[in-house]
Amino acid sequence: MKLAEARIENARISLKHSIRICKELKGKKLEKAKKLLEGLIDQKISLDGKYYTNAAKKILEVLKNAEANAKNKNFDLERTFVKIAKADKGEKFLRPRSRWRFRGREAKSTHLTIILEER
């Protein structure tokens, strides 16, 4: 059982949207997962009537990184599946507002992890 992993930390995308897409990707073949994400970005495929383009772009970036890691480990890409696709809560940080405000707006981030498996 060979594994290849890729991750991005503190991505500026919605956690809720990322979790929705990751649930769809888990267990799919690598090619089908890439087609799904590209369809979401081009707005040809929807999940529950929504496209989630920003989250799909970042997740596709992580998936391509994982695919490159798999190629370096000599995986057969025809038999490669998405074993784990998960999105976790990232760090919170303050976006400053005007000079007279004490606190700014709290911005949130997301950690993305994708693990591929050759079966």
PDB file of N, CA and C in Angstrom:
ATOM      1  N   MET A   1       0.845  -1.180   0.000  1.00  0.00           N
ATOM      2  CA  MET A   1       0.000   0.000   0.000  1.00  0.00           C
ATOM      3  C   MET A   1       0.892   1.245   0.000  1.00  0.00           C
ATOM      4  N   LYS A   2       0.940   1.928  -1.143  1.00  0.00           N
ATOM      5  CA  LYS A   2       1.750   3.137  -1.277  1.00  0.00           C
ATOM      6  C   LYS A   2       0.881   4.365  -1.044  1.00  0.00           C
ATOM      7  N   LEU A   3       1.460   5.385  -0.417  1.00  0.00           N
ATOM      8  CA  LEU A   3       0.731   6.621  -0.143  1.00  0.00           C
ATOM      9  C   LEU A   3       1.540   7.819  -0.625  1.00  0.00           C
ATOM     10  N   ALA A   4       0.838   8.835  -1.116  1.00  0.00           N
ATOM     11  CA  ALA A   4       1.449  10.120  -1.472  1.00  0.00           C
ATOM     12  C   ALA A   4       0.583  11.213  -0.866  1.00  0.00           C
ATOM     13  N   GLU A   5       1.222  12.201  -0.257  1.00  0.00           N
ATOM     14  CA  GLU A   5       0.483  13.220   0.496  1.00  0.00           C
ATOM     15  C   GLU A   5       0.859  14.619   0.026  1.00  0.00           C
ATOM     16  N   ALA A   6      -0.111  15.522   0.087  1.00  0.00           N
ATOM     17  CA  ALA A   6       0.141  16.949  -0.160  1.00  0.00           C
ATOM     18  C   ALA A   6      -0.777  17.743   0.745  1.00  0.00           C
ATOM     19  N   ARG A   7      -0.293  18.916   1.177  1.00  0.00           N
ATOM     20  CA  ARG A   7      -1.113  19.750   2.057  1.00  0.00           C
ATOM     21  C   ARG A   7      -0.808  21.219   1.840  1.00  0.00           C
ATOM     22  N   ILE A   8      -1.792  22.034   2.154  1.00  0.00           N
ATOM     23  CA  ILE A   8      -1.638  23.490   2.179  1.00  0.00           C
ATOM     24  C   ILE A   8      -2.175  23.949   3.518  1.00  0.00           C
ATOM     25  N   GLU A   9      -1.435  24.824   4.161  1.00  0.00           N
ATOM     26  CA  GLU A   9      -1.895  25.361   5.441  1.00  0.00           C
ATOM     27  C   GLU A   9      -2.258  26.826   5.278  1.00  0.00           C
ATOM     28  N   ASN A  10      -3.253  27.244   6.026  1.00  0.00           N
ATOM     29  CA  ASN A  10      -3.723  28.631   6.055  1.00  0.00           C
ATOM     30  C   ASN A  10      -4.162  29.149   4.688  1.00  0.00           C
ATOM     31  N   ALA A  11      -4.903  28.324   3.953  1.00  0.00           N
ATOM     32  CA  ALA A  11      -5.474  28.766   2.680  1.00  0.00           C
ATOM     33  C   ALA A  11      -6.661  29.686   2.971  1.00  0.00           C
ATOM     34  N   ARG A  12      -6.795  30.770   2.235  1.00  0.00           N
ATOM     35  CA  ARG A  12      -7.845  31.746   2.482  1.00  0.00           C
ATOM     36  C   ARG A  12      -9.124  31.353   1.738  1.00  0.00           C
ATOM     37  N   ILE A  13      -9.707  30.220   2.106  1.00  0.00           N
ATOM     38  CA  ILE A  13     -10.959  29.754   1.511  1.00  0.00           C
ATOM     39  C   ILE A  13     -11.903  29.316   2.617  1.00  0.00           C
ATOM     40  N   SER A  14     -13.149  29.135   2.252  1.00  0.00           N
ATOM     41  CA  SER A  14     -14.176  28.785   3.223  1.00  0.00           C
ATOM     42  C   SER A  14     -14.010  27.343   3.705  1.00  0.00           C
ATOM     43  N   LEU A  15     -14.044  27.156   5.009  1.00  0.00           N
ATOM     44  CA  LEU A  15     -13.966  25.817   5.591  1.00  0.00           C
ATOM     45  C   LEU A  15     -15.191  24.995   5.202  1.00  0.00           C
ATOM     46  N   LYS A  16     -16.350  25.625   5.254  1.00  0.00           N
ATOM     47  CA  LYS A  16     -17.608  24.945   4.946  1.00  0.00           C
ATOM     48  C   LYS A  16     -17.617  24.425   3.500  1.00  0.00           C
ATOM     49  N   HIS A  17     -17.183  25.245   2.561  1.00  0.00           N
ATOM     50  CA  HIS A  17     -17.142  24.834   1.159  1.00  0.00           C
ATOM     51  C   HIS A  17     -16.094  23.745   0.944  1.00  0.00           C
ATOM     52  N   SER A  18     -14.963  23.870   1.616  1.00  0.00           N
ATOM     53  CA  SER A  18     -13.884  22.888   1.466  1.00  0.00           C
ATOM     54  C   SER A  18     -14.315  21.513   1.962  1.00  0.00           C
ATOM     55  N   ILE A  19     -15.010  21.477   3.090  1.00  0.00           N
ATOM     56  CA  ILE A  19     -15.481  20.201   3.636  1.00  0.00           C
ATOM     57  C   ILE A  19     -16.465  19.555   2.670  1.00  0.00           C
ATOM     58  N   ARG A  20     -17.343  20.365   2.068  1.00  0.00           N
ATOM     59  CA  ARG A  20     -18.344  19.839   1.125  1.00  0.00           C
ATOM     60  C   ARG A  20     -17.663  19.195  -0.083  1.00  0.00           C
ATOM     61  N   ILE A  21     -16.641  19.839  -0.613  1.00  0.00           N
ATOM     62  CA  ILE A  21     -15.937  19.296  -1.782  1.00  0.00           C
ATOM     63  C   ILE A  21     -15.116  18.067  -1.397  1.00  0.00           C
ATOM     64  N   CYS A  22     -14.452  18.105  -0.247  1.00  0.00           N
ATOM     65  CA  CYS A  22     -13.614  16.976   0.183  1.00  0.00           C
ATOM     66  C   CYS A  22     -14.441  15.712   0.395  1.00  0.00           C
ATOM     67  N   LYS A  23     -15.666  15.856   0.898  1.00  0.00           N
ATOM     68  CA  LYS A  23     -16.538  14.688   1.056  1.00  0.00           C
ATOM     69  C   LYS A  23     -16.838  14.048  -0.294  1.00  0.00           C
ATOM     70  N   GLU A  24     -16.969  14.871  -1.342  1.00  0.00           N
ATOM     71  CA  GLU A  24     -17.232  14.360  -2.688  1.00  0.00           C
ATOM     72  C   GLU A  24     -16.017  13.629  -3.251  1.00  0.00           C
ATOM     73  N   LEU A  25     -14.812  14.097  -2.931  1.00  0.00           N
ATOM     74  CA  LEU A  25     -13.591  13.545  -3.528  1.00  0.00           C
ATOM     75  C   LEU A  25     -13.174  12.212  -2.929  1.00  0.00           C
ATOM     76  N   LYS A  26     -13.480  11.997  -1.660  1.00  0.00           N
ATOM     77  CA  LYS A  26     -12.976  10.820  -0.950  1.00  0.00           C
ATOM     78  C   LYS A  26     -13.430   9.527  -1.632  1.00  0.00           C
ATOM     79  N   GLY A  27     -12.455   8.648  -1.926  1.00  0.00           N
ATOM     80  CA  GLY A  27     -12.750   7.351  -2.522  1.00  0.00           C
ATOM     81  C   GLY A  27     -12.793   7.349  -4.040  1.00  0.00           C
ATOM     82  N   LYS A  28     -12.686   8.514  -4.682  1.00  0.00           N
ATOM     83  CA  LYS A  28     -12.754   8.586  -6.139  1.00  0.00           C
ATOM     84  C   LYS A  28     -11.382   8.309  -6.757  1.00  0.00           C
ATOM     85  N   LYS A  29     -11.399   7.870  -8.025  1.00  0.00           N
ATOM     86  CA  LYS A  29     -10.155   7.742  -8.778  1.00  0.00           C
ATOM     87  C   LYS A  29      -9.577   9.128  -9.004  1.00  0.00           C
ATOM     88  N   LEU A  30      -8.279   9.191  -9.197  1.00  0.00           N
ATOM     89  CA  LEU A  30      -7.590  10.469  -9.360  1.00  0.00           C
ATOM     90  C   LEU A  30      -8.142  11.257 -10.552  1.00  0.00           C
ATOM     91  N   GLU A  31      -8.345  10.593 -11.686  1.00  0.00           N
ATOM     92  CA  GLU A  31      -8.839  11.290 -12.883  1.00  0.00           C
ATOM     93  C   GLU A  31     -10.254  11.825 -12.676  1.00  0.00           C
ATOM     94  N   LYS A  32     -11.116  11.033 -12.026  1.00  0.00           N
ATOM     95  CA  LYS A  32     -12.489  11.489 -11.771  1.00  0.00           C
ATOM     96  C   LYS A  32     -12.502  12.675 -10.821  1.00  0.00           C
ATOM     97  N   ALA A  33     -11.620  12.656  -9.830  1.00  0.00           N
ATOM     98  CA  ALA A  33     -11.542  13.763  -8.873  1.00  0.00           C
ATOM     99  C   ALA A  33     -11.105  15.040  -9.583  1.00  0.00           C
ATOM    100  N   LYS A  34     -10.114  14.928 -10.482  1.00  0.00           N
ATOM    101  CA  LYS A  34      -9.660  16.108 -11.221  1.00  0.00           C
ATOM    102  C   LYS A  34     -10.753  16.640 -12.139  1.00  0.00           C
ATOM    103  N   LYS A  35     -11.492  15.731 -12.795  1.00  0.00           N
ATOM    104  CA  LYS A  35     -12.594  16.159 -13.666  1.00  0.00           C
ATOM    105  C   LYS A  35     -13.672  16.886 -12.879  1.00  0.00           C
ATOM    106  N   LEU A  36     -13.989  16.378 -11.686  1.00  0.00           N
ATOM    107  CA  LEU A  36     -15.003  17.013 -10.846  1.00  0.00           C
ATOM    108  C   LEU A  36     -14.578  18.431 -10.479  1.00  0.00           C
ATOM    109  N   LEU A  37     -13.335  18.600 -10.040  1.00  0.00           N
ATOM    110  CA  LEU A  37     -12.859  19.923  -9.635  1.00  0.00           C
ATOM    111  C   LEU A  37     -12.796  20.882 -10.821  1.00  0.00           C
ATOM    112  N   GLU A  38     -12.338  20.395 -11.975  1.00  0.00           N
ATOM    113  CA  GLU A  38     -12.297  21.256 -13.156  1.00  0.00           C
ATOM    114  C   GLU A  38     -13.701  21.636 -13.605  1.00  0.00           C
ATOM    115  N   GLY A  39     -14.655  20.709 -13.463  1.00  0.00           N
ATOM    116  CA  GLY A  39     -16.051  21.017 -13.784  1.00  0.00           C
ATOM    117  C   GLY A  39     -16.634  22.065 -12.857  1.00  0.00           C
ATOM    118  N   LEU A  40     -16.271  22.005 -11.581  1.00  0.00           N
ATOM    119  CA  LEU A  40     -16.733  23.026 -10.632  1.00  0.00           C
ATOM    120  C   LEU A  40     -16.144  24.394 -10.974  1.00  0.00           C
ATOM    121  N   ILE A  41     -14.871  24.421 -11.343  1.00  0.00           N
ATOM    122  CA  ILE A  41     -14.221  25.693 -11.674  1.00  0.00           C
ATOM    123  C   ILE A  41     -14.836  26.297 -12.937  1.00  0.00           C
ATOM    124  N   ASP A  42     -15.104  25.457 -13.951  1.00  0.00           N
ATOM    125  CA  ASP A  42     -15.700  25.936 -15.207  1.00  0.00           C
ATOM    126  C   ASP A  42     -17.214  26.108 -15.104  1.00  0.00           C
ATOM    127  N   GLN A  43     -17.789  25.775 -13.963  1.00  0.00           N
ATOM    128  CA  GLN A  43     -19.227  25.868 -13.682  1.00  0.00           C
ATOM    129  C   GLN A  43     -20.053  24.998 -14.634  1.00  0.00           C
ATOM    130  N   LYS A  44     -19.529  23.798 -14.929  1.00  0.00           N
ATOM    131  CA  LYS A  44     -20.268  22.823 -15.732  1.00  0.00           C
ATOM    132  C   LYS A  44     -20.895  21.752 -14.852  1.00  0.00           C
ATOM    133  N   ILE A  45     -20.320  21.530 -13.672  1.00  0.00           N
ATOM    134  CA  ILE A  45     -20.845  20.570 -12.697  1.00  0.00           C
ATOM    135  C   ILE A  45     -21.155  21.356 -11.432  1.00  0.00           C
ATOM    136  N   SER A  46     -22.273  21.030 -10.785  1.00  0.00           N
ATOM    137  CA  SER A  46     -22.584  21.715  -9.524  1.00  0.00           C
ATOM    138  C   SER A  46     -22.806  20.685  -8.425  1.00  0.00           C
ATOM    139  N   LEU A  47     -22.566  21.104  -7.193  1.00  0.00           N
ATOM    140  CA  LEU A  47     -22.874  20.291  -6.021  1.00  0.00           C
ATOM    141  C   LEU A  47     -23.998  21.001  -5.287  1.00  0.00           C
ATOM    142  N   ASP A  48     -25.159  20.404  -5.242  1.00  0.00           N
ATOM    143  CA  ASP A  48     -26.333  21.000  -4.602  1.00  0.00           C
ATOM    144  C   ASP A  48     -26.649  22.381  -5.178  1.00  0.00           C
ATOM    145  N   GLY A  49     -26.418  22.569  -6.481  1.00  0.00           N
ATOM    146  CA  GLY A  49     -26.733  23.839  -7.122  1.00  0.00           C
ATOM    147  C   GLY A  49     -25.693  24.919  -6.922  1.00  0.00           C
ATOM    148  N   LYS A  50     -24.545  24.596  -6.318  1.00  0.00           N
ATOM    149  CA  LYS A  50     -23.492  25.589  -6.093  1.00  0.00           C
ATOM    150  C   LYS A  50     -22.198  25.100  -6.737  1.00  0.00           C
ATOM    151  N   TYR A  51     -21.295  26.051  -7.031  1.00  0.00           N
ATOM    152  CA  TYR A  51     -20.075  25.705  -7.752  1.00  0.00           C
ATOM    153  C   TYR A  51     -18.811  25.738  -6.895  1.00  0.00           C
ATOM    154  N   TYR A  52     -18.758  26.541  -5.862  1.00  0.00           N
ATOM    155  CA  TYR A  52     -17.617  26.602  -4.941  1.00  0.00           C
ATOM    156  C   TYR A  52     -16.290  26.807  -5.687  1.00  0.00           C
ATOM    157  N   THR A  53     -16.217  27.798  -6.566  1.00  0.00           N
ATOM    158  CA  THR A  53     -15.048  27.934  -7.448  1.00  0.00           C
ATOM    159  C   THR A  53     -13.750  28.229  -6.696  1.00  0.00           C
ATOM    160  N   ASN A  54     -13.773  29.121  -5.706  1.00  0.00           N
ATOM    161  CA  ASN A  54     -12.530  29.464  -4.998  1.00  0.00           C
ATOM    162  C   ASN A  54     -11.965  28.257  -4.266  1.00  0.00           C
ATOM    163  N   ALA A  55     -12.819  27.528  -3.567  1.00  0.00           N
ATOM    164  CA  ALA A  55     -12.361  26.343  -2.840  1.00  0.00           C
ATOM    165  C   ALA A  55     -11.886  25.273  -3.821  1.00  0.00           C
ATOM    166  N   ALA A  56     -12.589  25.112  -4.942  1.00  0.00           N
ATOM    167  CA  ALA A  56     -12.219  24.096  -5.927  1.00  0.00           C
ATOM    168  C   ALA A  56     -10.839  24.382  -6.524  1.00  0.00           C
ATOM    169  N   LYS A  57     -10.518  25.658  -6.745  1.00  0.00           N
ATOM    170  CA  LYS A  57      -9.203  26.006  -7.302  1.00  0.00           C
ATOM    171  C   LYS A  57      -8.081  25.597  -6.349  1.00  0.00           C
ATOM    172  N   LYS A  58      -8.239  25.902  -5.073  1.00  0.00           N
ATOM    173  CA  LYS A  58      -7.197  25.559  -4.092  1.00  0.00           C
ATOM    174  C   LYS A  58      -7.076  24.047  -3.930  1.00  0.00           C
ATOM    175  N   ILE A  59      -8.212  23.353  -3.883  1.00  0.00           N
ATOM    176  CA  ILE A  59      -8.180  21.899  -3.699  1.00  0.00           C
ATOM    177  C   ILE A  59      -7.563  21.227  -4.924  1.00  0.00           C
ATOM    178  N   LEU A  60      -7.838  21.757  -6.116  1.00  0.00           N
ATOM    179  CA  LEU A  60      -7.221  21.216  -7.333  1.00  0.00           C
ATOM    180  C   LEU A  60      -5.703  21.411  -7.290  1.00  0.00           C
ATOM    181  N   GLU A  61      -5.269  22.536  -6.772  1.00  0.00           N
ATOM    182  CA  GLU A  61      -3.833  22.801  -6.620  1.00  0.00           C
ATOM    183  C   GLU A  61      -3.185  21.755  -5.710  1.00  0.00           C
ATOM    184  N   VAL A  62      -3.839  21.442  -4.594  1.00  0.00           N
ATOM    185  CA  VAL A  62      -3.308  20.433  -3.664  1.00  0.00           C
ATOM    186  C   VAL A  62      -3.325  19.053  -4.318  1.00  0.00           C
ATOM    187  N   LEU A  63      -4.394  18.752  -5.065  1.00  0.00           N
ATOM    188  CA  LEU A  63      -4.507  17.450  -5.730  1.00  0.00           C
ATOM    189  C   LEU A  63      -3.396  17.278  -6.768  1.00  0.00           C
ATOM    190  N   LYS A  64      -3.079  18.337  -7.500  1.00  0.00           N
ATOM    191  CA  LYS A  64      -1.989  18.255  -8.485  1.00  0.00           C
ATOM    192  C   LYS A  64      -0.638  18.067  -7.795  1.00  0.00           C
ATOM    193  N   ASN A  65      -0.460  18.700  -6.638  1.00  0.00           N
ATOM    194  CA  ASN A  65       0.772  18.489  -5.870  1.00  0.00           C
ATOM    195  C   ASN A  65       0.883  17.038  -5.413  1.00  0.00           C
ATOM    196  N   ALA A  66      -0.226  16.472  -4.949  1.00  0.00           N
ATOM    197  CA  ALA A  66      -0.229  15.074  -4.514  1.00  0.00           C
ATOM    198  C   ALA A  66       0.046  14.147  -5.697  1.00  0.00           C
ATOM    199  N   GLU A  67      -0.488  14.494  -6.870  1.00  0.00           N
ATOM    200  CA  GLU A  67      -0.247  13.689  -8.067  1.00  0.00           C
ATOM    201  C   GLU A  67       1.239  13.720  -8.446  1.00  0.00           C
ATOM    202  N   ALA A  68       1.861  14.882  -8.342  1.00  0.00           N
ATOM    203  CA  ALA A  68       3.297  14.995  -8.638  1.00  0.00           C
ATOM    204  C   ALA A  68       4.112  14.172  -7.643  1.00  0.00           C
ATOM    205  N   ASN A  69       3.706  14.192  -6.371  1.00  0.00           N
ATOM    206  CA  ASN A  69       4.392  13.372  -5.366  1.00  0.00           C
ATOM    207  C   ASN A  69       4.235  11.889  -5.683  1.00  0.00           C
ATOM    208  N   ALA A  70       3.051  11.497  -6.172  1.00  0.00           N
ATOM    209  CA  ALA A  70       2.808  10.102  -6.534  1.00  0.00           C
ATOM    210  C   ALA A  70       3.676   9.693  -7.723  1.00  0.00           C
ATOM    211  N   LYS A  71       3.825  10.591  -8.703  1.00  0.00           N
ATOM    212  CA  LYS A  71       4.686  10.289  -9.857  1.00  0.00           C
ATOM    213  C   LYS A  71       6.128  10.081  -9.411  1.00  0.00           C
ATOM    214  N   ASN A  72       6.580  10.896  -8.465  1.00  0.00           N
ATOM    215  CA  ASN A  72       7.949  10.755  -7.962  1.00  0.00           C
ATOM    216  C   ASN A  72       8.155   9.437  -7.232  1.00  0.00           C
ATOM    217  N   LYS A  73       7.082   8.885  -6.677  1.00  0.00           N
ATOM    218  CA  LYS A  73       7.171   7.595  -5.983  1.00  0.00           C
ATOM    219  C   LYS A  73       6.835   6.428  -6.910  1.00  0.00           C
ATOM    220  N   ASN A  74       6.744   6.699  -8.222  1.00  0.00           N
ATOM    221  CA  ASN A  74       6.493   5.682  -9.256  1.00  0.00           C
ATOM    222  C   ASN A  74       5.157   4.974  -9.081  1.00  0.00           C
ATOM    223  N   PHE A  75       4.104   5.718  -8.786  1.00  0.00           N
ATOM    224  CA  PHE A  75       2.755   5.148  -8.716  1.00  0.00           C
ATOM    225  C   PHE A  75       2.249   4.883 -10.128  1.00  0.00           C
ATOM    226  N   ASP A  76       1.377   3.884 -10.260  1.00  0.00           N
ATOM    227  CA  ASP A  76       0.607   3.704 -11.484  1.00  0.00           C
ATOM    228  C   ASP A  76      -0.626   4.596 -11.333  1.00  0.00           C
ATOM    229  N   LEU A  77      -0.680   5.706 -12.079  1.00  0.00           N
ATOM    230  CA  LEU A  77      -1.735   6.704 -11.882  1.00  0.00           C
ATOM    231  C   LEU A  77      -3.120   6.193 -12.272  1.00  0.00           C
ATOM    232  N   GLU A  78      -3.182   5.117 -13.064  1.00  0.00           N
ATOM    233  CA  GLU A  78      -4.486   4.528 -13.405  1.00  0.00           C
ATOM    234  C   GLU A  78      -5.124   3.850 -12.192  1.00  0.00           C
ATOM    235  N   ARG A  79      -4.277   3.388 -11.265  1.00  0.00           N
ATOM    236  CA  ARG A  79      -4.793   2.675 -10.086  1.00  0.00           C
ATOM    237  C   ARG A  79      -4.696   3.519  -8.818  1.00  0.00           C
ATOM    238  N   THR A  80      -4.645   4.832  -8.975  1.00  0.00           N
ATOM    239  CA  THR A  80      -4.493   5.727  -7.829  1.00  0.00           C
ATOM    240  C   THR A  80      -5.838   6.321  -7.437  1.00  0.00           C
ATOM    241  N   PHE A  81      -6.145   6.262  -6.148  1.00  0.00           N
ATOM    242  CA  PHE A  81      -7.407   6.758  -5.600  1.00  0.00           C
ATOM    243  C   PHE A  81      -7.132   7.804  -4.526  1.00  0.00           C
ATOM    244  N   VAL A  82      -8.138   8.633  -4.262  1.00  0.00           N
ATOM    245  CA  VAL A  82      -8.053   9.599  -3.165  1.00  0.00           C
ATOM    246  C   VAL A  82      -8.456   8.859  -1.897  1.00  0.00           C
ATOM    247  N   LYS A  83      -7.486   8.608  -1.021  1.00  0.00           N
ATOM    248  CA  LYS A  83      -7.786   7.896   0.221  1.00  0.00           C
ATOM    249  C   LYS A  83      -8.371   8.853   1.253  1.00  0.00           C
ATOM    250  N   ILE A  84      -7.697   9.982   1.467  1.00  0.00           N
ATOM    251  CA  ILE A  84      -8.160  10.965   2.451  1.00  0.00           C
ATOM    252  C   ILE A  84      -8.144  12.339   1.794  1.00  0.00           C
ATOM    253  N   ALA A  85      -9.247  13.048   1.909  1.00  0.00           N
ATOM    254  CA  ALA A  85      -9.323  14.458   1.504  1.00  0.00           C
ATOM    255  C   ALA A  85     -10.013  15.160   2.655  1.00  0.00           C
ATOM    256  N   LYS A  86      -9.286  16.025   3.345  1.00  0.00           N
ATOM    257  CA  LYS A  86      -9.905  16.662   4.506  1.00  0.00           C
ATOM    258  C   LYS A  86      -9.545  18.134   4.585  1.00  0.00           C
ATOM    259  N   ALA A  87     -10.447  18.870   5.202  1.00  0.00           N
ATOM    260  CA  ALA A  87     -10.257  20.298   5.439  1.00  0.00           C
ATOM    261  C   ALA A  87     -10.427  20.540   6.931  1.00  0.00           C
ATOM    262  N   ASP A  88      -9.462  21.228   7.520  1.00  0.00           N
ATOM    263  CA  ASP A  88      -9.498  21.522   8.952  1.00  0.00           C
ATOM    264  C   ASP A  88      -9.460  23.026   9.167  1.00  0.00           C
ATOM    265  N   LYS A  89      -9.874  23.418  10.363  1.00  0.00           N
ATOM    266  CA  LYS A  89      -9.869  24.828  10.733  1.00  0.00           C
ATOM    267  C   LYS A  89      -8.434  25.331  10.817  1.00  0.00           C
ATOM    268  N   GLY A  90      -8.173  26.478  10.205  1.00  0.00           N
ATOM    269  CA  GLY A  90      -6.849  27.086  10.247  1.00  0.00           C
ATOM    270  C   GLY A  90      -6.784  28.187  11.290  1.00  0.00           C
ATOM    271  N   GLU A  91      -5.794  29.033  11.144  1.00  0.00           N
ATOM    272  CA  GLU A  91      -5.600  30.117  12.103  1.00  0.00           C
ATOM    273  C   GLU A  91      -6.568  31.265  11.836  1.00  0.00           C
ATOM    274  N   LYS A  92      -6.874  32.004  12.898  1.00  0.00           N
ATOM    275  CA  LYS A  92      -7.653  33.228  12.771  1.00  0.00           C
ATOM    276  C   LYS A  92      -6.691  34.393  12.911  1.00  0.00           C
ATOM    277  N   PHE A  93      -6.940  35.448  12.169  1.00  0.00           N
ATOM    278  CA  PHE A  93      -6.120  36.645  12.314  1.00  0.00           C
ATOM    279  C   PHE A  93      -6.983  37.863  12.040  1.00  0.00           C
ATOM    280  N   LEU A  94      -6.514  39.003  12.513  1.00  0.00           N
ATOM    281  CA  LEU A  94      -7.297  40.227  12.419  1.00  0.00           C
ATOM    282  C   LEU A  94      -6.943  41.002  11.158  1.00  0.00           C
ATOM    283  N   ARG A  95      -7.970  41.396  10.409  1.00  0.00           N
ATOM    284  CA  ARG A  95      -7.805  42.314   9.284  1.00  0.00           C
ATOM    285  C   ARG A  95      -8.071  43.705   9.831  1.00  0.00           C
ATOM    286  N   PRO A  96      -7.139  44.612   9.762  1.00  0.00           N
ATOM    287  CA  PRO A  96      -7.332  45.926  10.373  1.00  0.00           C
ATOM    288  C   PRO A  96      -8.445  46.724   9.710  1.00  0.00           C
ATOM    289  N   ARG A  97      -9.083  47.563  10.518  1.00  0.00           N
ATOM    290  CA  ARG A  97     -10.105  48.479  10.015  1.00  0.00           C
ATOM    291  C   ARG A  97      -9.575  49.894  10.128  1.00  0.00           C
ATOM    292  N   SER A  98     -10.470  50.833  10.298  1.00  0.00           N
ATOM    293  CA  SER A  98     -10.031  52.222  10.339  1.00  0.00           C
ATOM    294  C   SER A  98      -9.234  52.510  11.614  1.00  0.00           C
ATOM    295  N   ARG A  99      -8.657  53.672  11.652  1.00  0.00           N
ATOM    296  CA  ARG A  99      -7.736  54.045  12.707  1.00  0.00           C
ATOM    297  C   ARG A  99      -8.382  54.091  14.089  1.00  0.00           C
ATOM    298  N   TRP A 100      -9.679  54.412  14.151  1.00  0.00           N
ATOM    299  CA  TRP A 100     -10.325  54.608  15.448  1.00  0.00           C
ATOM    300  C   TRP A 100     -10.982  53.347  16.000  1.00  0.00           C
ATOM    301  N   ARG A 101     -10.934  52.286  15.258  1.00  0.00           N
ATOM    302  CA  ARG A 101     -11.531  51.041  15.756  1.00  0.00           C
ATOM    303  C   ARG A 101     -10.471  50.249  16.504  1.00  0.00           C
ATOM    304  N   PHE A 102     -10.899  49.606  17.579  1.00  0.00           N
ATOM    305  CA  PHE A 102      -9.933  48.849  18.377  1.00  0.00           C
ATOM    306  C   PHE A 102      -9.592  47.514  17.727  1.00  0.00           C
ATOM    307  N   ARG A 103     -10.620  46.852  17.228  1.00  0.00           N
ATOM    308  CA  ARG A 103     -10.392  45.547  16.606  1.00  0.00           C
ATOM    309  C   ARG A 103     -10.801  45.615  15.143  1.00  0.00           C
ATOM    310  N   GLY A 104     -10.176  44.788  14.366  1.00  0.00           N
ATOM    311  CA  GLY A 104     -10.559  44.693  12.965  1.00  0.00           C
ATOM    312  C   GLY A 104     -11.510  43.526  12.771  1.00  0.00           C
ATOM    313  N   ARG A 105     -11.645  43.119  11.530  1.00  0.00           N
ATOM    314  CA  ARG A 105     -12.486  41.975  11.201  1.00  0.00           C
ATOM    315  C   ARG A 105     -11.646  40.711  11.347  1.00  0.00           C
ATOM    316  N   GLU A 106     -12.247  39.682  11.917  1.00  0.00           N
ATOM    317  CA  GLU A 106     -11.513  38.436  12.115  1.00  0.00           C
ATOM    318  C   GLU A 106     -11.586  37.607  10.832  1.00  0.00           C
ATOM    319  N   ALA A 107     -10.447  37.327  10.229  1.00  0.00           N
ATOM    320  CA  ALA A 107     -10.387  36.518   9.018  1.00  0.00           C
ATOM    321  C   ALA A 107      -9.984  35.098   9.406  1.00  0.00           C
ATOM    322  N   LYS A 108     -10.515  34.124   8.686  1.00  0.00           N
ATOM    323  CA  LYS A 108     -10.251  32.722   9.008  1.00  0.00           C
ATOM    324  C   LYS A 108      -9.549  32.052   7.838  1.00  0.00           C
ATOM    325  N   SER A 109      -8.880  30.953   8.123  1.00  0.00           N
ATOM    326  CA  SER A 109      -8.199  30.202   7.076  1.00  0.00           C
ATOM    327  C   SER A 109      -8.482  28.709   7.247  1.00  0.00           C
ATOM    328  N   THR A 110      -8.026  27.922   6.275  1.00  0.00           N
ATOM    329  CA  THR A 110      -8.327  26.492   6.229  1.00  0.00           C
ATOM    330  C   THR A 110      -7.056  25.710   5.908  1.00  0.00           C
ATOM    331  N   HIS A 111      -6.875  24.568   6.573  1.00  0.00           N
ATOM    332  CA  HIS A 111      -5.799  23.630   6.238  1.00  0.00           C
ATOM    333  C   HIS A 111      -6.395  22.537   5.347  1.00  0.00           C
ATOM    334  N   LEU A 112      -5.735  22.233   4.230  1.00  0.00           N
ATOM    335  CA  LEU A 112      -6.193  21.187   3.313  1.00  0.00           C
ATOM    336  C   LEU A 112      -5.164  20.058   3.268  1.00  0.00           C
ATOM    337  N   THR A 113      -5.641  18.815   3.307  1.00  0.00           N
ATOM    338  CA  THR A 113      -4.762  17.645   3.213  1.00  0.00           C
ATOM    339  C   THR A 113      -5.385  16.640   2.256  1.00  0.00           C
ATOM    340  N   ILE A 114      -4.586  16.149   1.312  1.00  0.00           N
ATOM    341  CA  ILE A 114      -5.043  15.098   0.398  1.00  0.00           C
ATOM    342  C   ILE A 114      -3.996  13.993   0.398  1.00  0.00           C
ATOM    343  N   ILE A 115      -4.451  12.754   0.597  1.00  0.00           N
ATOM    344  CA  ILE A 115      -3.572  11.580   0.576  1.00  0.00           C
ATOM    345  C   ILE A 115      -4.072  10.641  -0.518  1.00  0.00           C
ATOM    346  N   LEU A 116      -3.168  10.288  -1.430  1.00  0.00           N
ATOM    347  CA  LEU A 116      -3.491   9.367  -2.522  1.00  0.00           C
ATOM    348  C   LEU A 116      -2.951   7.984  -2.192  1.00  0.00           C
ATOM    349  N   GLU A 117      -3.671   6.969  -2.670  1.00  0.00           N
ATOM    350  CA  GLU A 117      -3.282   5.577  -2.407  1.00  0.00           C
ATOM    351  C   GLU A 117      -3.312   4.807  -3.714  1.00  0.00           C
ATOM    352  N   GLU A 118      -2.297   3.964  -3.921  1.00  0.00           N
ATOM    353  CA  GLU A 118      -2.291   3.079  -5.086  1.00  0.00           C
ATOM    354  C   GLU A 118      -2.867   1.735  -4.666  1.00  0.00           C
ATOM    355  N   ARG A 119      -3.933   1.310  -5.354  1.00  0.00           N
ATOM    356  CA  ARG A 119      -4.565   0.026  -5.015  1.00  0.00           C
ATOM    357  C   ARG A 119      -4.225  -1.023  -6.043  1.00  0.00           C
TER     358      ARG A 119
END
